[in-house]
Amino acid sequence: MSEKKQSVQHTHDNDLTHSMVHYLLAIHKLKESKGYARVTDIAHEMGLTKGSVSTALTNLKKRELVLEDESKFLSLSASGHEAVHGILSSRTLLFYFLKDIIGVDEEIAHKDSCLMEHLMSAESREKFFNFMKILCSNDLKGMQFSTSFDFNQFEHQHDFEEIQKGDTYLKSE
């Protein structure tokens, strides 16, 4: 019997560009900090014109990632919210890997993790999370790796993903 090979979804299949991700993150951040998000707020947050924000949001609404109520307040749909938490989770994992494990300068780790965050699949994110937990908790051939973030406080990757809030890399504030 041959096993059915699971179809792998590539980044271009996801259709979430770096720019789209930033709109989703801006809505998420505004909703968390102010309790609401409007086109004007997003334009101000991102340093863009209201027209360019409106155009981008039309595309995100068509993809059912962003919702707009009758008062023009924006929010993330369930799938938009899930995408944001996945993206923030990927960014956090990449940031600590680049900064603490391979020694990239913090500013570069921030920029690079931002550029790569939307490219990682859910499967890779989960495997990467588990890898970081193992890497930072075991003595591998006499080498101890550690990060300034304790991944071992989470039993599962899903628990880690759920607490993602924004661009803070989960620092206590």
N, C-alpha and C. Protein backbone atom coordinates (compact mmCIF):
# COMPACT_ATOMS: atom_id res chain seq x y z
N MET A 1 0.83 -1.20 0.00
CA MET A 1 0.00 0.00 0.00
C MET A 1 0.87 1.26 0.00
N SER A 2 0.57 2.16 -0.84
CA SER A 2 1.32 3.42 -0.83
C SER A 2 0.57 4.46 -0.01
N GLU A 3 1.36 5.21 0.74
CA GLU A 3 0.77 6.27 1.55
C GLU A 3 0.52 7.48 0.66
N LYS A 4 -0.57 8.16 0.95
CA LYS A 4 -0.83 9.42 0.24
C LYS A 4 0.13 10.46 0.78
N LYS A 5 0.79 11.11 -0.12
CA LYS A 5 1.71 12.17 0.29
C LYS A 5 0.91 13.43 0.58
N GLN A 6 1.16 14.00 1.76
CA GLN A 6 0.44 15.21 2.15
C GLN A 6 0.92 16.38 1.28
N SER A 7 -0.01 17.14 0.79
CA SER A 7 0.31 18.30 -0.03
C SER A 7 0.99 19.37 0.84
N VAL A 8 2.12 19.83 0.38
CA VAL A 8 2.86 20.87 1.10
C VAL A 8 2.44 22.21 0.56
N GLN A 9 2.06 23.08 1.47
CA GLN A 9 1.66 24.42 1.06
C GLN A 9 2.89 25.32 1.10
N HIS A 10 3.23 25.89 -0.02
CA HIS A 10 4.38 26.77 -0.10
C HIS A 10 3.96 28.19 0.21
N THR A 11 4.96 29.01 0.51
CA THR A 11 4.69 30.39 0.89
C THR A 11 3.85 31.12 -0.15
N HIS A 12 4.14 30.92 -1.43
CA HIS A 12 3.36 31.64 -2.44
C HIS A 12 1.91 31.19 -2.45
N ASP A 13 1.65 29.99 -1.93
CA ASP A 13 0.27 29.52 -1.83
C ASP A 13 -0.48 30.25 -0.71
N ASN A 14 0.26 30.68 0.30
CA ASN A 14 -0.35 31.37 1.44
C ASN A 14 -0.82 32.76 1.06
N ASP A 15 -0.12 33.40 0.11
CA ASP A 15 -0.49 34.72 -0.38
C ASP A 15 -0.47 35.80 0.69
N LEU A 16 0.20 35.61 1.78
CA LEU A 16 0.35 36.69 2.75
C LEU A 16 1.72 37.32 2.53
N THR A 17 1.71 38.51 1.99
CA THR A 17 2.96 39.21 1.75
C THR A 17 3.43 39.89 3.03
N HIS A 18 4.66 40.34 2.99
CA HIS A 18 5.23 41.07 4.12
C HIS A 18 4.38 42.30 4.44
N SER A 19 3.93 42.99 3.41
CA SER A 19 3.10 44.18 3.59
C SER A 19 1.76 43.84 4.24
N MET A 20 1.10 42.79 3.75
CA MET A 20 -0.18 42.37 4.33
C MET A 20 -0.04 42.05 5.81
N VAL A 21 1.04 41.38 6.13
CA VAL A 21 1.30 41.01 7.52
C VAL A 21 1.35 42.25 8.40
N HIS A 22 2.00 43.30 7.90
CA HIS A 22 2.12 44.52 8.69
C HIS A 22 0.76 45.19 8.92
N TYR A 23 -0.13 45.11 7.96
CA TYR A 23 -1.48 45.64 8.17
C TYR A 23 -2.21 44.82 9.25
N LEU A 24 -2.10 43.51 9.17
CA LEU A 24 -2.75 42.66 10.18
C LEU A 24 -2.18 42.94 11.57
N LEU A 25 -0.85 43.09 11.64
CA LEU A 25 -0.21 43.36 12.93
C LEU A 25 -0.62 44.74 13.47
N ALA A 26 -0.77 45.70 12.58
CA ALA A 26 -1.19 47.05 13.01
C ALA A 26 -2.59 47.00 13.60
N ILE A 27 -3.50 46.29 12.94
CA ILE A 27 -4.87 46.16 13.48
C ILE A 27 -4.83 45.48 14.84
N HIS A 28 -4.06 44.41 14.92
CA HIS A 28 -3.94 43.67 16.18
C HIS A 28 -3.41 44.57 17.30
N LYS A 29 -2.35 45.30 16.99
CA LYS A 29 -1.73 46.19 17.98
C LYS A 29 -2.69 47.29 18.43
N LEU A 30 -3.37 47.90 17.47
CA LEU A 30 -4.32 48.97 17.81
C LEU A 30 -5.48 48.44 18.66
N LYS A 31 -6.01 47.29 18.30
CA LYS A 31 -7.11 46.70 19.08
C LYS A 31 -6.65 46.38 20.49
N GLU A 32 -5.41 45.90 20.64
CA GLU A 32 -4.87 45.57 21.96
C GLU A 32 -4.64 46.83 22.79
N SER A 33 -4.12 47.88 22.16
CA SER A 33 -3.75 49.08 22.91
C SER A 33 -4.89 50.07 23.08
N LYS A 34 -5.70 50.30 22.04
CA LYS A 34 -6.76 51.30 22.09
C LYS A 34 -8.16 50.71 22.22
N GLY A 35 -8.28 49.45 21.83
CA GLY A 35 -9.59 48.82 21.85
C GLY A 35 -10.33 48.96 20.53
N TYR A 36 -9.74 49.66 19.57
CA TYR A 36 -10.37 49.83 18.27
C TYR A 36 -9.29 50.11 17.23
N ALA A 37 -9.67 49.93 15.96
CA ALA A 37 -8.78 50.25 14.85
C ALA A 37 -9.63 50.79 13.70
N ARG A 38 -9.20 51.92 13.17
CA ARG A 38 -9.85 52.51 12.01
C ARG A 38 -8.79 52.75 10.95
N VAL A 39 -9.21 53.03 9.74
CA VAL A 39 -8.26 53.29 8.65
C VAL A 39 -7.29 54.40 9.04
N THR A 40 -7.82 55.47 9.62
CA THR A 40 -6.98 56.61 10.04
C THR A 40 -5.92 56.17 11.04
N ASP A 41 -6.30 55.34 12.01
CA ASP A 41 -5.36 54.87 13.02
C ASP A 41 -4.25 54.03 12.40
N ILE A 42 -4.66 53.16 11.48
CA ILE A 42 -3.68 52.28 10.82
C ILE A 42 -2.72 53.13 9.98
N ALA A 43 -3.26 54.10 9.25
CA ALA A 43 -2.42 54.99 8.43
C ALA A 43 -1.41 55.72 9.32
N HIS A 44 -1.87 56.23 10.44
CA HIS A 44 -0.98 56.93 11.38
C HIS A 44 0.07 55.96 11.93
N GLU A 45 -0.35 54.80 12.36
CA GLU A 45 0.54 53.78 12.94
C GLU A 45 1.64 53.36 11.96
N MET A 46 1.26 53.24 10.68
CA MET A 46 2.20 52.74 9.68
C MET A 46 2.88 53.84 8.87
N GLY A 47 2.48 55.09 9.09
CA GLY A 47 3.08 56.20 8.35
C GLY A 47 2.71 56.20 6.88
N LEU A 48 1.46 55.83 6.59
CA LEU A 48 0.97 55.74 5.22
C LEU A 48 -0.25 56.64 5.02
N THR A 49 -0.67 56.76 3.77
CA THR A 49 -1.88 57.54 3.49
C THR A 49 -3.11 56.67 3.75
N LYS A 50 -4.22 57.34 4.02
CA LYS A 50 -5.48 56.60 4.22
C LYS A 50 -5.87 55.85 2.96
N GLY A 51 -5.59 56.42 1.81
CA GLY A 51 -5.92 55.77 0.54
C GLY A 51 -5.19 54.44 0.35
N SER A 52 -3.89 54.44 0.63
CA SER A 52 -3.14 53.18 0.47
C SER A 52 -3.57 52.15 1.49
N VAL A 53 -3.91 52.58 2.70
CA VAL A 53 -4.40 51.66 3.72
C VAL A 53 -5.76 51.08 3.29
N SER A 54 -6.64 51.92 2.78
CA SER A 54 -7.96 51.45 2.33
C SER A 54 -7.83 50.41 1.23
N THR A 55 -6.91 50.63 0.29
CA THR A 55 -6.69 49.68 -0.80
C THR A 55 -6.21 48.33 -0.25
N ALA A 56 -5.25 48.37 0.63
CA ALA A 56 -4.72 47.14 1.21
C ALA A 56 -5.79 46.41 2.03
N LEU A 57 -6.59 47.16 2.77
CA LEU A 57 -7.63 46.54 3.60
C LEU A 57 -8.72 45.88 2.76
N THR A 58 -9.00 46.45 1.60
CA THR A 58 -9.99 45.83 0.70
C THR A 58 -9.55 44.42 0.35
N ASN A 59 -8.28 44.25 0.06
CA ASN A 59 -7.73 42.95 -0.27
C ASN A 59 -7.81 42.00 0.95
N LEU A 60 -7.48 42.50 2.13
CA LEU A 60 -7.53 41.67 3.33
C LEU A 60 -8.96 41.30 3.71
N LYS A 61 -9.91 42.19 3.43
CA LYS A 61 -11.33 41.87 3.67
C LYS A 61 -11.81 40.80 2.70
N LYS A 62 -11.38 40.88 1.44
CA LYS A 62 -11.75 39.86 0.45
C LYS A 62 -11.22 38.48 0.86
N ARG A 63 -10.08 38.47 1.51
CA ARG A 63 -9.48 37.21 1.98
C ARG A 63 -10.07 36.76 3.32
N GLU A 64 -11.03 37.56 3.80
CA GLU A 64 -11.72 37.27 5.06
C GLU A 64 -10.78 37.19 6.26
N LEU A 65 -9.77 38.07 6.25
CA LEU A 65 -8.84 38.18 7.37
C LEU A 65 -9.19 39.38 8.25
N VAL A 66 -9.87 40.37 7.64
CA VAL A 66 -10.24 41.60 8.34
C VAL A 66 -11.74 41.82 8.17
N LEU A 67 -12.35 42.26 9.26
CA LEU A 67 -13.78 42.57 9.26
C LEU A 67 -13.95 44.06 9.51
N GLU A 68 -15.02 44.64 8.95
CA GLU A 68 -15.33 46.05 9.19
C GLU A 68 -16.80 46.14 9.56
N ASP A 69 -17.07 46.82 10.67
CA ASP A 69 -18.48 46.95 11.08
C ASP A 69 -19.09 48.20 10.44
N GLU A 70 -20.37 48.43 10.71
CA GLU A 70 -21.10 49.55 10.10
C GLU A 70 -20.55 50.92 10.52
N SER A 71 -19.83 50.96 11.63
CA SER A 71 -19.22 52.21 12.09
C SER A 71 -17.79 52.40 11.58
N LYS A 72 -17.37 51.51 10.68
CA LYS A 72 -16.04 51.56 10.06
C LYS A 72 -14.91 51.15 11.01
N PHE A 73 -15.24 50.44 12.10
CA PHE A 73 -14.23 49.92 12.98
C PHE A 73 -13.77 48.57 12.44
N LEU A 74 -12.47 48.36 12.46
CA LEU A 74 -11.88 47.16 11.89
C LEU A 74 -11.48 46.18 12.99
N SER A 75 -11.56 44.91 12.66
CA SER A 75 -11.08 43.87 13.56
C SER A 75 -10.59 42.70 12.72
N LEU A 76 -9.87 41.83 13.36
CA LEU A 76 -9.39 40.63 12.68
C LEU A 76 -10.47 39.56 12.77
N SER A 77 -10.65 38.83 11.70
CA SER A 77 -11.54 37.67 11.74
C SER A 77 -10.83 36.58 12.54
N ALA A 78 -11.51 35.48 12.78
CA ALA A 78 -10.88 34.37 13.51
C ALA A 78 -9.63 33.89 12.75
N SER A 79 -9.72 33.80 11.43
CA SER A 79 -8.55 33.35 10.66
C SER A 79 -7.46 34.43 10.64
N GLY A 80 -7.85 35.71 10.64
CA GLY A 80 -6.88 36.79 10.72
C GLY A 80 -6.16 36.79 12.05
N HIS A 81 -6.92 36.56 13.11
CA HIS A 81 -6.34 36.50 14.45
C HIS A 81 -5.38 35.32 14.57
N GLU A 82 -5.78 34.19 14.03
CA GLU A 82 -4.92 33.00 14.05
C GLU A 82 -3.63 33.26 13.26
N ALA A 83 -3.75 33.91 12.12
CA ALA A 83 -2.58 34.24 11.31
C ALA A 83 -1.63 35.14 12.08
N VAL A 84 -2.16 36.16 12.75
CA VAL A 84 -1.32 37.09 13.51
C VAL A 84 -0.57 36.37 14.63
N HIS A 85 -1.26 35.52 15.36
CA HIS A 85 -0.58 34.80 16.45
C HIS A 85 0.49 33.86 15.91
N GLY A 86 0.23 33.24 14.77
CA GLY A 86 1.25 32.40 14.15
C GLY A 86 2.45 33.21 13.71
N ILE A 87 2.20 34.36 13.10
CA ILE A 87 3.27 35.24 12.63
C ILE A 87 4.10 35.75 13.80
N LEU A 88 3.43 36.19 14.86
CA LEU A 88 4.16 36.68 16.03
C LEU A 88 4.96 35.57 16.70
N SER A 89 4.40 34.38 16.69
CA SER A 89 5.10 33.23 17.25
C SER A 89 6.36 32.94 16.43
N SER A 90 6.23 32.95 15.11
CA SER A 90 7.39 32.73 14.24
C SER A 90 8.43 33.81 14.47
N ARG A 91 7.99 35.06 14.56
CA ARG A 91 8.93 36.16 14.76
C ARG A 91 9.70 35.99 16.07
N THR A 92 9.00 35.62 17.11
CA THR A 92 9.65 35.45 18.41
C THR A 92 10.66 34.32 18.36
N LEU A 93 10.28 33.19 17.80
CA LEU A 93 11.20 32.06 17.68
C LEU A 93 12.44 32.44 16.87
N LEU A 94 12.22 33.07 15.73
CA LEU A 94 13.34 33.47 14.88
C LEU A 94 14.23 34.50 15.56
N PHE A 95 13.63 35.46 16.24
CA PHE A 95 14.40 36.49 16.93
C PHE A 95 15.37 35.87 17.93
N TYR A 96 14.87 34.99 18.81
CA TYR A 96 15.74 34.40 19.83
C TYR A 96 16.74 33.43 19.24
N PHE A 97 16.38 32.73 18.20
CA PHE A 97 17.33 31.83 17.54
C PHE A 97 18.48 32.64 16.95
N LEU A 98 18.13 33.68 16.19
CA LEU A 98 19.17 34.50 15.56
C LEU A 98 20.03 35.21 16.59
N LYS A 99 19.41 35.82 17.58
CA LYS A 99 20.14 36.62 18.58
C LYS A 99 20.94 35.76 19.55
N ASP A 100 20.29 34.78 20.15
CA ASP A 100 20.92 34.05 21.24
C ASP A 100 21.65 32.77 20.82
N ILE A 101 21.18 32.10 19.82
CA ILE A 101 21.80 30.83 19.44
C ILE A 101 22.93 31.03 18.44
N ILE A 102 22.69 31.83 17.40
CA ILE A 102 23.77 32.00 16.43
C ILE A 102 24.49 33.35 16.54
N GLY A 103 24.07 34.20 17.47
CA GLY A 103 24.83 35.40 17.81
C GLY A 103 24.69 36.59 16.89
N VAL A 104 23.57 36.71 16.20
CA VAL A 104 23.33 37.87 15.35
C VAL A 104 23.05 39.08 16.24
N ASP A 105 23.53 40.23 15.84
CA ASP A 105 23.26 41.48 16.56
C ASP A 105 21.76 41.64 16.77
N GLU A 106 21.35 42.15 17.92
CA GLU A 106 19.93 42.25 18.27
C GLU A 106 19.12 43.04 17.23
N GLU A 107 19.66 44.14 16.75
CA GLU A 107 18.93 44.94 15.75
C GLU A 107 18.74 44.16 14.45
N ILE A 108 19.77 43.45 14.03
CA ILE A 108 19.67 42.64 12.82
C ILE A 108 18.72 41.48 13.04
N ALA A 109 18.77 40.86 14.22
CA ALA A 109 17.85 39.76 14.55
C ALA A 109 16.41 40.25 14.48
N HIS A 110 16.17 41.46 14.97
CA HIS A 110 14.82 42.05 14.90
C HIS A 110 14.38 42.22 13.45
N LYS A 111 15.24 42.84 12.64
CA LYS A 111 14.89 43.08 11.23
C LYS A 111 14.69 41.78 10.48
N ASP A 112 15.63 40.85 10.65
CA ASP A 112 15.54 39.58 9.90
C ASP A 112 14.34 38.75 10.33
N SER A 113 14.06 38.71 11.62
CA SER A 113 12.90 37.92 12.07
C SER A 113 11.61 38.53 11.53
N CYS A 114 11.58 39.84 11.41
CA CYS A 114 10.42 40.52 10.82
C CYS A 114 10.26 40.17 9.35
N LEU A 115 11.37 40.08 8.64
CA LEU A 115 11.32 39.74 7.21
C LEU A 115 10.91 38.29 6.96
N MET A 116 11.26 37.40 7.89
CA MET A 116 11.02 35.97 7.69
C MET A 116 9.74 35.46 8.33
N GLU A 117 9.16 36.21 9.22
CA GLU A 117 8.05 35.74 10.06
C GLU A 117 6.88 35.12 9.29
N HIS A 118 6.52 35.69 8.17
CA HIS A 118 5.35 35.21 7.43
C HIS A 118 5.68 34.08 6.47
N LEU A 119 6.93 33.71 6.36
CA LEU A 119 7.35 32.67 5.44
C LEU A 119 7.28 31.27 6.05
N MET A 120 7.19 31.19 7.36
CA MET A 120 7.25 29.90 8.04
C MET A 120 5.87 29.24 8.10
N SER A 121 5.81 27.97 7.73
CA SER A 121 4.56 27.22 7.81
C SER A 121 4.24 26.87 9.26
N ALA A 122 3.01 26.52 9.51
CA ALA A 122 2.60 26.11 10.86
C ALA A 122 3.38 24.87 11.31
N GLU A 123 3.59 23.95 10.40
CA GLU A 123 4.35 22.74 10.76
C GLU A 123 5.79 23.07 11.13
N SER A 124 6.44 23.91 10.34
CA SER A 124 7.82 24.31 10.65
C SER A 124 7.88 25.08 11.95
N ARG A 125 6.88 25.94 12.19
CA ARG A 125 6.86 26.72 13.43
C ARG A 125 6.78 25.80 14.64
N GLU A 126 5.92 24.80 14.56
CA GLU A 126 5.78 23.86 15.68
C GLU A 126 7.07 23.07 15.89
N LYS A 127 7.68 22.59 14.81
CA LYS A 127 8.94 21.83 14.91
C LYS A 127 10.06 22.73 15.42
N PHE A 128 10.07 23.97 14.97
CA PHE A 128 11.10 24.92 15.41
C PHE A 128 10.95 25.22 16.90
N PHE A 129 9.73 25.40 17.35
CA PHE A 129 9.48 25.62 18.77
C PHE A 129 10.01 24.44 19.59
N ASN A 130 9.66 23.22 19.17
CA ASN A 130 10.12 22.02 19.88
C ASN A 130 11.65 21.92 19.85
N PHE A 131 12.25 22.28 18.74
CA PHE A 131 13.70 22.29 18.61
C PHE A 131 14.32 23.27 19.61
N MET A 132 13.76 24.47 19.70
CA MET A 132 14.29 25.48 20.64
C MET A 132 14.17 25.00 22.08
N LYS A 133 13.07 24.34 22.40
CA LYS A 133 12.91 23.80 23.76
C LYS A 133 13.99 22.77 24.05
N ILE A 134 14.21 21.86 23.13
CA ILE A 134 15.21 20.81 23.32
C ILE A 134 16.60 21.41 23.37
N LEU A 135 16.89 22.28 22.43
CA LEU A 135 18.21 22.90 22.33
C LEU A 135 18.59 23.63 23.62
N CYS A 136 17.63 24.31 24.21
CA CYS A 136 17.91 25.13 25.38
C CYS A 136 17.75 24.38 26.70
N SER A 137 17.38 23.12 26.65
CA SER A 137 17.20 22.40 27.91
C SER A 137 18.14 21.22 28.08
N ASN A 138 18.84 20.83 27.04
CA ASN A 138 19.72 19.66 27.12
C ASN A 138 21.16 20.04 26.85
N ASP A 139 22.03 19.22 27.41
CA ASP A 139 23.45 19.35 27.15
C ASP A 139 23.74 18.50 25.92
N LEU A 140 23.93 19.13 24.79
CA LEU A 140 24.16 18.42 23.54
C LEU A 140 25.65 18.33 23.26
N LYS A 141 26.23 17.12 23.49
CA LYS A 141 27.66 16.87 23.27
C LYS A 141 28.51 17.93 23.96
N GLY A 142 28.17 18.25 25.19
CA GLY A 142 28.95 19.19 25.98
C GLY A 142 28.65 20.65 25.70
N MET A 143 27.77 20.93 24.77
CA MET A 143 27.45 22.33 24.46
C MET A 143 26.09 22.67 25.07
N GLN A 144 26.04 23.71 25.83
CA GLN A 144 24.77 24.16 26.39
C GLN A 144 24.35 25.43 25.66
N PHE A 145 23.17 25.38 25.09
CA PHE A 145 22.62 26.55 24.42
C PHE A 145 21.58 27.17 25.34
N SER A 146 21.50 28.47 25.29
CA SER A 146 20.46 29.11 26.08
C SER A 146 20.01 30.38 25.37
N THR A 147 18.84 30.80 25.72
CA THR A 147 18.32 32.06 25.20
C THR A 147 17.89 32.90 26.39
N SER A 148 17.67 34.16 26.12
CA SER A 148 17.18 35.05 27.18
C SER A 148 15.68 34.88 27.37
N PHE A 149 15.09 33.94 26.65
CA PHE A 149 13.68 33.61 26.82
C PHE A 149 13.56 32.13 27.14
N ASP A 150 12.75 31.78 28.13
CA ASP A 150 12.59 30.40 28.57
C ASP A 150 11.45 29.72 27.81
N PHE A 151 11.80 29.02 26.75
CA PHE A 151 10.80 28.29 25.97
C PHE A 151 10.22 27.12 26.74
N ASN A 152 10.96 26.64 27.73
CA ASN A 152 10.52 25.47 28.49
C ASN A 152 9.36 25.76 29.44
N GLN A 153 8.97 27.00 29.58
CA GLN A 153 7.81 27.32 30.41
C GLN A 153 6.50 26.91 29.74
N PHE A 154 6.57 26.53 28.47
CA PHE A 154 5.39 26.12 27.72
C PHE A 154 5.47 24.64 27.43
N GLU A 155 4.38 23.96 27.69
CA GLU A 155 4.35 22.53 27.41
C GLU A 155 4.23 22.27 25.92
N HIS A 156 3.42 23.07 25.24
CA HIS A 156 3.17 22.88 23.82
C HIS A 156 3.34 24.19 23.07
N GLN A 157 3.63 24.08 21.79
CA GLN A 157 3.80 25.24 20.94
C GLN A 157 2.52 26.07 20.91
N HIS A 158 1.37 25.43 20.95
CA HIS A 158 0.09 26.14 20.91
C HIS A 158 -0.03 27.11 22.10
N ASP A 159 0.43 26.69 23.29
CA ASP A 159 0.39 27.55 24.48
C ASP A 159 1.25 28.79 24.26
N PHE A 160 2.42 28.58 23.64
CA PHE A 160 3.34 29.68 23.33
C PHE A 160 2.69 30.63 22.33
N GLU A 161 2.06 30.10 21.30
CA GLU A 161 1.45 30.90 20.25
C GLU A 161 0.30 31.76 20.79
N GLU A 162 -0.46 31.22 21.72
CA GLU A 162 -1.62 31.91 22.26
C GLU A 162 -1.27 33.20 22.99
N ILE A 163 -0.07 33.30 23.57
CA ILE A 163 0.25 34.48 24.38
C ILE A 163 0.93 35.59 23.60
N GLN A 164 1.13 35.40 22.31
CA GLN A 164 1.80 36.41 21.50
C GLN A 164 0.97 37.69 21.47
N LYS A 165 1.60 38.80 21.78
CA LYS A 165 0.89 40.07 21.84
C LYS A 165 1.34 41.06 20.78
N GLY A 166 2.61 41.14 20.51
CA GLY A 166 3.08 42.14 19.57
C GLY A 166 4.57 42.04 19.37
N ASP A 167 5.21 43.17 19.19
CA ASP A 167 6.61 43.23 18.83
C ASP A 167 7.52 43.25 20.06
N THR A 168 7.08 42.66 21.16
CA THR A 168 7.83 42.78 22.40
C THR A 168 8.71 41.57 22.68
N TYR A 169 8.59 40.52 21.90
CA TYR A 169 9.34 39.29 22.14
C TYR A 169 9.09 38.78 23.55
N LEU A 170 7.88 39.03 24.03
CA LEU A 170 7.40 38.52 25.31
C LEU A 170 8.20 39.00 26.51
N LYS A 171 8.84 40.15 26.40
CA LYS A 171 9.55 40.72 27.56
C LYS A 171 8.53 41.16 28.60
N SER A 172 8.87 41.01 29.85
CA SER A 172 7.98 41.50 30.91
C SER A 172 8.08 43.02 30.93
N GLU A 173 6.93 43.65 30.96
CA GLU A 173 6.93 45.12 30.98
C GLU A 173 6.21 45.62 32.19
